[in-house]
Amino acid sequence: MVTQDDGEVVYARISRAWKETDAMLILDFQNIETVAACCLNMAIGRLYSEYTSEVLNTRIKVENIDSYHIGLTKKVVENAKEYYKKQADEVEQKKQSDEWEKRDNELMMSALMVSMM
């Protein structure tokens, strides 16, 4: 069985390799009988925090994978996209909230200065 720890190793290797080159990655499932979903989350899902779907679709090729693991991989990808999109949306909302708070503070300071004149 391929575990979460194995997924971390795979992710680290992918991350390290892609810092040096933009080469195609081939994930070969030959002789792999069972892959835990957490392994796929660590190895593939986590890549969605750093790369767009378009980049990953052009840089990863999966070979020798059975239908069960195809379905599992698709689910992991869907969940990762949703998770990292939600995170990005939350960061953007926080940024907008901070900008509004800064503008409000600037307006209050301006109003105080005007009233002090």
N, C-alpha and C. Protein backbone atom coordinates (compact mmCIF):
# COMPACT_ATOMS: atom_id res chain seq x y z
N MET A 1 0.84 -1.18 0.00
CA MET A 1 0.00 0.00 0.00
C MET A 1 0.88 1.25 0.00
N VAL A 2 0.50 2.22 -0.80
CA VAL A 2 1.19 3.49 -0.88
C VAL A 2 0.51 4.43 0.11
N THR A 3 1.27 5.02 1.05
CA THR A 3 0.72 5.77 2.18
C THR A 3 0.96 7.28 2.06
N GLN A 4 0.47 8.01 3.07
CA GLN A 4 0.66 9.45 3.12
C GLN A 4 2.14 9.81 3.14
N ASP A 5 2.93 9.08 3.88
CA ASP A 5 4.38 9.35 3.91
C ASP A 5 4.99 9.22 2.52
N ASP A 6 4.53 8.21 1.77
CA ASP A 6 5.01 8.05 0.40
C ASP A 6 4.60 9.25 -0.45
N GLY A 7 3.38 9.73 -0.21
CA GLY A 7 2.89 10.90 -0.93
C GLY A 7 3.73 12.13 -0.65
N GLU A 8 4.16 12.30 0.58
CA GLU A 8 5.03 13.42 0.93
C GLU A 8 6.36 13.34 0.20
N VAL A 9 6.89 12.13 0.09
CA VAL A 9 8.15 11.93 -0.62
C VAL A 9 7.97 12.27 -2.10
N VAL A 10 6.89 11.80 -2.69
CA VAL A 10 6.62 12.08 -4.10
C VAL A 10 6.47 13.59 -4.32
N TYR A 11 5.69 14.25 -3.45
CA TYR A 11 5.51 15.71 -3.57
C TYR A 11 6.85 16.43 -3.50
N ALA A 12 7.68 16.06 -2.53
CA ALA A 12 8.99 16.71 -2.37
C ALA A 12 9.85 16.54 -3.63
N ARG A 13 9.80 15.37 -4.20
CA ARG A 13 10.59 15.12 -5.41
C ARG A 13 10.06 15.94 -6.58
N ILE A 14 8.74 16.01 -6.71
CA ILE A 14 8.14 16.80 -7.80
C ILE A 14 8.51 18.26 -7.61
N SER A 15 8.30 18.76 -6.42
CA SER A 15 8.56 20.17 -6.12
C SER A 15 10.01 20.53 -6.40
N ARG A 16 10.91 19.69 -5.95
CA ARG A 16 12.35 19.93 -6.16
C ARG A 16 12.69 19.90 -7.65
N ALA A 17 12.16 18.91 -8.35
CA ALA A 17 12.46 18.77 -9.78
C ALA A 17 11.92 19.95 -10.58
N TRP A 18 10.71 20.40 -10.24
CA TRP A 18 10.10 21.50 -11.00
C TRP A 18 10.72 22.85 -10.69
N LYS A 19 11.50 22.94 -9.64
CA LYS A 19 12.23 24.18 -9.38
C LYS A 19 13.41 24.29 -10.34
N GLU A 20 13.86 23.14 -10.82
CA GLU A 20 15.03 23.11 -11.71
C GLU A 20 14.63 23.06 -13.19
N THR A 21 13.46 22.52 -13.49
CA THR A 21 13.03 22.36 -14.88
C THR A 21 11.52 22.30 -14.95
N ASP A 22 10.98 22.53 -16.13
CA ASP A 22 9.53 22.42 -16.30
C ASP A 22 9.17 21.15 -17.08
N ALA A 23 9.96 20.12 -16.87
CA ALA A 23 9.79 18.85 -17.59
C ALA A 23 8.46 18.17 -17.24
N MET A 24 8.04 17.33 -18.14
CA MET A 24 6.84 16.51 -17.94
C MET A 24 7.09 15.49 -16.85
N LEU A 25 6.09 15.32 -15.99
CA LEU A 25 6.16 14.34 -14.92
C LEU A 25 5.29 13.15 -15.30
N ILE A 26 5.84 11.96 -15.22
CA ILE A 26 5.06 10.75 -15.48
C ILE A 26 4.87 10.01 -14.17
N LEU A 27 3.61 9.89 -13.75
CA LEU A 27 3.27 9.10 -12.57
C LEU A 27 2.86 7.72 -13.05
N ASP A 28 3.68 6.75 -12.81
CA ASP A 28 3.44 5.39 -13.28
C ASP A 28 2.96 4.51 -12.13
N PHE A 29 1.77 3.99 -12.27
CA PHE A 29 1.17 3.16 -11.23
C PHE A 29 1.37 1.67 -11.46
N GLN A 30 2.28 1.33 -12.35
CA GLN A 30 2.54 -0.08 -12.62
C GLN A 30 2.97 -0.79 -11.33
N ASN A 31 2.41 -1.95 -11.10
CA ASN A 31 2.69 -2.78 -9.92
C ASN A 31 2.21 -2.15 -8.60
N ILE A 32 1.38 -1.13 -8.68
CA ILE A 32 0.80 -0.52 -7.48
C ILE A 32 -0.62 -1.05 -7.36
N GLU A 33 -0.90 -1.73 -6.26
CA GLU A 33 -2.23 -2.30 -6.07
C GLU A 33 -3.16 -1.37 -5.32
N THR A 34 -2.63 -0.69 -4.30
CA THR A 34 -3.47 0.17 -3.47
C THR A 34 -2.76 1.47 -3.17
N VAL A 35 -3.47 2.57 -3.38
CA VAL A 35 -2.96 3.89 -3.06
C VAL A 35 -3.98 4.55 -2.13
N ALA A 36 -3.52 4.99 -0.97
CA ALA A 36 -4.40 5.68 -0.03
C ALA A 36 -4.71 7.08 -0.57
N ALA A 37 -5.95 7.52 -0.36
CA ALA A 37 -6.35 8.86 -0.82
C ALA A 37 -5.44 9.93 -0.23
N CYS A 38 -5.01 9.74 1.03
CA CYS A 38 -4.14 10.74 1.64
C CYS A 38 -2.80 10.84 0.91
N CYS A 39 -2.35 9.75 0.32
CA CYS A 39 -1.13 9.78 -0.48
C CYS A 39 -1.33 10.66 -1.71
N LEU A 40 -2.45 10.46 -2.38
CA LEU A 40 -2.75 11.28 -3.56
C LEU A 40 -2.92 12.74 -3.19
N ASN A 41 -3.53 13.00 -2.03
CA ASN A 41 -3.67 14.38 -1.56
C ASN A 41 -2.31 15.03 -1.39
N MET A 42 -1.40 14.30 -0.77
CA MET A 42 -0.06 14.84 -0.51
C MET A 42 0.75 14.99 -1.79
N ALA A 43 0.66 14.01 -2.67
CA ALA A 43 1.50 14.00 -3.87
C ALA A 43 0.95 14.87 -4.99
N ILE A 44 -0.36 14.83 -5.20
CA ILE A 44 -0.95 15.54 -6.35
C ILE A 44 -1.78 16.73 -5.90
N GLY A 45 -2.68 16.50 -4.95
CA GLY A 45 -3.57 17.57 -4.52
C GLY A 45 -2.84 18.81 -4.06
N ARG A 46 -1.78 18.61 -3.33
CA ARG A 46 -0.99 19.73 -2.80
C ARG A 46 -0.37 20.59 -3.89
N LEU A 47 -0.13 20.02 -5.05
CA LEU A 47 0.44 20.79 -6.16
C LEU A 47 -0.49 21.93 -6.59
N TYR A 48 -1.79 21.77 -6.32
CA TYR A 48 -2.76 22.81 -6.70
C TYR A 48 -2.60 24.07 -5.85
N SER A 49 -1.82 24.01 -4.78
CA SER A 49 -1.55 25.21 -4.00
C SER A 49 -0.49 26.07 -4.69
N GLU A 50 0.25 25.47 -5.62
CA GLU A 50 1.36 26.16 -6.27
C GLU A 50 1.18 26.37 -7.76
N TYR A 51 0.37 25.51 -8.39
CA TYR A 51 0.25 25.55 -9.85
C TYR A 51 -1.23 25.57 -10.24
N THR A 52 -1.50 26.13 -11.41
CA THR A 52 -2.86 26.14 -11.93
C THR A 52 -3.20 24.78 -12.55
N SER A 53 -4.47 24.56 -12.75
CA SER A 53 -4.91 23.32 -13.41
C SER A 53 -4.29 23.19 -14.79
N GLU A 54 -4.21 24.30 -15.50
CA GLU A 54 -3.66 24.28 -16.86
C GLU A 54 -2.21 23.80 -16.85
N VAL A 55 -1.44 24.31 -15.90
CA VAL A 55 -0.03 23.91 -15.81
C VAL A 55 0.06 22.43 -15.46
N LEU A 56 -0.69 22.01 -14.46
CA LEU A 56 -0.62 20.61 -14.04
C LEU A 56 -1.11 19.66 -15.12
N ASN A 57 -2.13 20.07 -15.86
CA ASN A 57 -2.64 19.22 -16.94
C ASN A 57 -1.63 19.03 -18.05
N THR A 58 -0.76 20.00 -18.24
CA THR A 58 0.25 19.87 -19.30
C THR A 58 1.55 19.25 -18.80
N ARG A 59 1.73 19.20 -17.48
CA ARG A 59 3.02 18.73 -16.95
C ARG A 59 2.96 17.39 -16.23
N ILE A 60 1.75 16.83 -16.09
CA ILE A 60 1.64 15.52 -15.43
C ILE A 60 0.94 14.54 -16.37
N LYS A 61 1.55 13.40 -16.51
CA LYS A 61 0.95 12.31 -17.29
C LYS A 61 0.88 11.09 -16.36
N VAL A 62 -0.29 10.48 -16.33
CA VAL A 62 -0.49 9.30 -15.48
C VAL A 62 -0.54 8.07 -16.38
N GLU A 63 0.20 7.06 -15.98
CA GLU A 63 0.25 5.81 -16.77
C GLU A 63 -0.06 4.61 -15.89
N ASN A 64 -0.57 3.57 -16.52
CA ASN A 64 -0.80 2.27 -15.88
C ASN A 64 -1.63 2.37 -14.60
N ILE A 65 -2.71 3.12 -14.68
CA ILE A 65 -3.57 3.30 -13.52
C ILE A 65 -4.91 2.62 -13.79
N ASP A 66 -5.42 1.91 -12.79
CA ASP A 66 -6.71 1.22 -12.98
C ASP A 66 -7.87 2.20 -12.77
N SER A 67 -9.06 1.76 -13.14
CA SER A 67 -10.24 2.64 -13.11
C SER A 67 -10.57 3.14 -11.70
N TYR A 68 -10.36 2.30 -10.69
CA TYR A 68 -10.64 2.73 -9.32
C TYR A 68 -9.74 3.90 -8.95
N HIS A 69 -8.46 3.79 -9.23
CA HIS A 69 -7.52 4.84 -8.86
C HIS A 69 -7.67 6.08 -9.74
N ILE A 70 -8.17 5.90 -10.95
CA ILE A 70 -8.50 7.07 -11.78
C ILE A 70 -9.60 7.87 -11.09
N GLY A 71 -10.64 7.17 -10.65
CA GLY A 71 -11.75 7.84 -9.96
C GLY A 71 -11.28 8.52 -8.68
N LEU A 72 -10.45 7.85 -7.92
CA LEU A 72 -9.92 8.40 -6.68
C LEU A 72 -9.07 9.64 -6.96
N THR A 73 -8.25 9.56 -7.98
CA THR A 73 -7.40 10.69 -8.35
C THR A 73 -8.25 11.88 -8.79
N LYS A 74 -9.29 11.63 -9.56
CA LYS A 74 -10.18 12.72 -9.99
C LYS A 74 -10.83 13.40 -8.78
N LYS A 75 -11.25 12.59 -7.80
CA LYS A 75 -11.87 13.14 -6.59
C LYS A 75 -10.86 13.99 -5.81
N VAL A 76 -9.65 13.51 -5.70
CA VAL A 76 -8.59 14.26 -5.01
C VAL A 76 -8.35 15.59 -5.72
N VAL A 77 -8.31 15.57 -7.03
CA VAL A 77 -8.08 16.80 -7.81
C VAL A 77 -9.24 17.77 -7.61
N GLU A 78 -10.47 17.29 -7.69
CA GLU A 78 -11.64 18.15 -7.48
C GLU A 78 -11.59 18.79 -6.09
N ASN A 79 -11.32 17.99 -5.07
CA ASN A 79 -11.25 18.51 -3.71
C ASN A 79 -10.13 19.53 -3.54
N ALA A 80 -8.98 19.25 -4.15
CA ALA A 80 -7.85 20.18 -4.06
C ALA A 80 -8.17 21.51 -4.72
N LYS A 81 -8.77 21.47 -5.90
CA LYS A 81 -9.14 22.70 -6.59
C LYS A 81 -10.09 23.53 -5.73
N GLU A 82 -11.09 22.87 -5.17
CA GLU A 82 -12.07 23.56 -4.33
C GLU A 82 -11.41 24.14 -3.08
N TYR A 83 -10.59 23.34 -2.43
CA TYR A 83 -9.91 23.76 -1.20
C TYR A 83 -9.02 24.97 -1.44
N TYR A 84 -8.16 24.91 -2.46
CA TYR A 84 -7.22 25.99 -2.69
C TYR A 84 -7.90 27.22 -3.28
N LYS A 85 -9.00 27.04 -4.00
CA LYS A 85 -9.78 28.20 -4.47
C LYS A 85 -10.40 28.90 -3.28
N LYS A 86 -10.94 28.12 -2.35
CA LYS A 86 -11.54 28.71 -1.15
C LYS A 86 -10.48 29.47 -0.35
N GLN A 87 -9.30 28.89 -0.22
CA GLN A 87 -8.21 29.58 0.50
C GLN A 87 -7.86 30.89 -0.19
N ALA A 88 -7.75 30.87 -1.51
CA ALA A 88 -7.41 32.08 -2.26
C ALA A 88 -8.51 33.13 -2.11
N ASP A 89 -9.76 32.70 -2.14
CA ASP A 89 -10.89 33.62 -1.95
C ASP A 89 -10.84 34.26 -0.57
N GLU A 90 -10.53 33.46 0.45
CA GLU A 90 -10.45 33.99 1.82
C GLU A 90 -9.32 35.00 1.95
N VAL A 91 -8.20 34.74 1.31
CA VAL A 91 -7.08 35.69 1.33
C VAL A 91 -7.49 36.98 0.65
N GLU A 92 -8.18 36.87 -0.48
CA GLU A 92 -8.64 38.06 -1.20
C GLU A 92 -9.65 38.85 -0.38
N GLN A 93 -10.58 38.16 0.28
CA GLN A 93 -11.56 38.84 1.13
C GLN A 93 -10.88 39.57 2.28
N LYS A 94 -9.89 38.93 2.89
CA LYS A 94 -9.15 39.55 3.99
C LYS A 94 -8.42 40.80 3.49
N LYS A 95 -7.84 40.69 2.31
CA LYS A 95 -7.12 41.83 1.72
C LYS A 95 -8.08 42.99 1.48
N GLN A 96 -9.26 42.70 0.92
CA GLN A 96 -10.25 43.75 0.67
C GLN A 96 -10.74 44.36 1.98
N SER A 97 -10.97 43.51 2.97
CA SER A 97 -11.41 43.99 4.27
C SER A 97 -10.36 44.91 4.89
N ASP A 98 -9.11 44.53 4.79
CA ASP A 98 -8.02 45.36 5.32
C ASP A 98 -7.95 46.70 4.59
N GLU A 99 -8.16 46.67 3.27
CA GLU A 99 -8.14 47.92 2.49
C GLU A 99 -9.28 48.84 2.91
N TRP A 100 -10.47 48.27 3.10
CA TRP A 100 -11.62 49.08 3.54
C TRP A 100 -11.37 49.66 4.92
N GLU A 101 -10.80 48.86 5.81
CA GLU A 101 -10.51 49.35 7.16
C GLU A 101 -9.49 50.49 7.11
N LYS A 102 -8.49 50.36 6.26
CA LYS A 102 -7.49 51.41 6.12
C LYS A 102 -8.13 52.69 5.59
N ARG A 103 -9.01 52.56 4.58
CA ARG A 103 -9.70 53.74 4.04
C ARG A 103 -10.58 54.39 5.10
N ASP A 104 -11.30 53.56 5.87
CA ASP A 104 -12.15 54.09 6.94
C ASP A 104 -11.32 54.87 7.95
N ASN A 105 -10.18 54.32 8.33
CA ASN A 105 -9.31 55.00 9.28
C ASN A 105 -8.78 56.32 8.72
N GLU A 106 -8.43 56.31 7.42
CA GLU A 106 -7.94 57.54 6.79
C GLU A 106 -9.05 58.59 6.75
N LEU A 107 -10.29 58.17 6.44
CA LEU A 107 -11.40 59.10 6.41
C LEU A 107 -11.68 59.68 7.80
N MET A 108 -11.61 58.84 8.82
CA MET A 108 -11.84 59.31 10.19
C MET A 108 -10.75 60.31 10.59
N MET A 109 -9.52 60.04 10.23
CA MET A 109 -8.43 60.96 10.55
C MET A 109 -8.62 62.28 9.82
N SER A 110 -9.03 62.22 8.57
CA SER A 110 -9.29 63.44 7.80
C SER A 110 -10.41 64.23 8.43
N ALA A 111 -11.47 63.55 8.84
CA ALA A 111 -12.61 64.23 9.47
C ALA A 111 -12.19 64.86 10.78
N LEU A 112 -11.35 64.17 11.55
CA LEU A 112 -10.86 64.73 12.82
C LEU A 112 -10.02 65.97 12.58
N MET A 113 -9.18 65.92 11.56
CA MET A 113 -8.32 67.06 11.26
C MET A 113 -9.15 68.26 10.83
N VAL A 114 -10.18 68.01 10.01
CA VAL A 114 -11.04 69.08 9.55
C VAL A 114 -11.79 69.68 10.73
N SER A 115 -12.29 68.84 11.63
CA SER A 115 -13.06 69.34 12.76
C SER A 115 -12.18 70.09 13.77
N MET A 116 -10.90 69.82 13.77
CA MET A 116 -9.98 70.49 14.69
C MET A 116 -9.59 71.87 14.18
N MET A 117 -9.86 72.13 12.91
CA MET A 117 -9.45 73.42 12.32
C MET A 117 -10.36 74.51 12.71
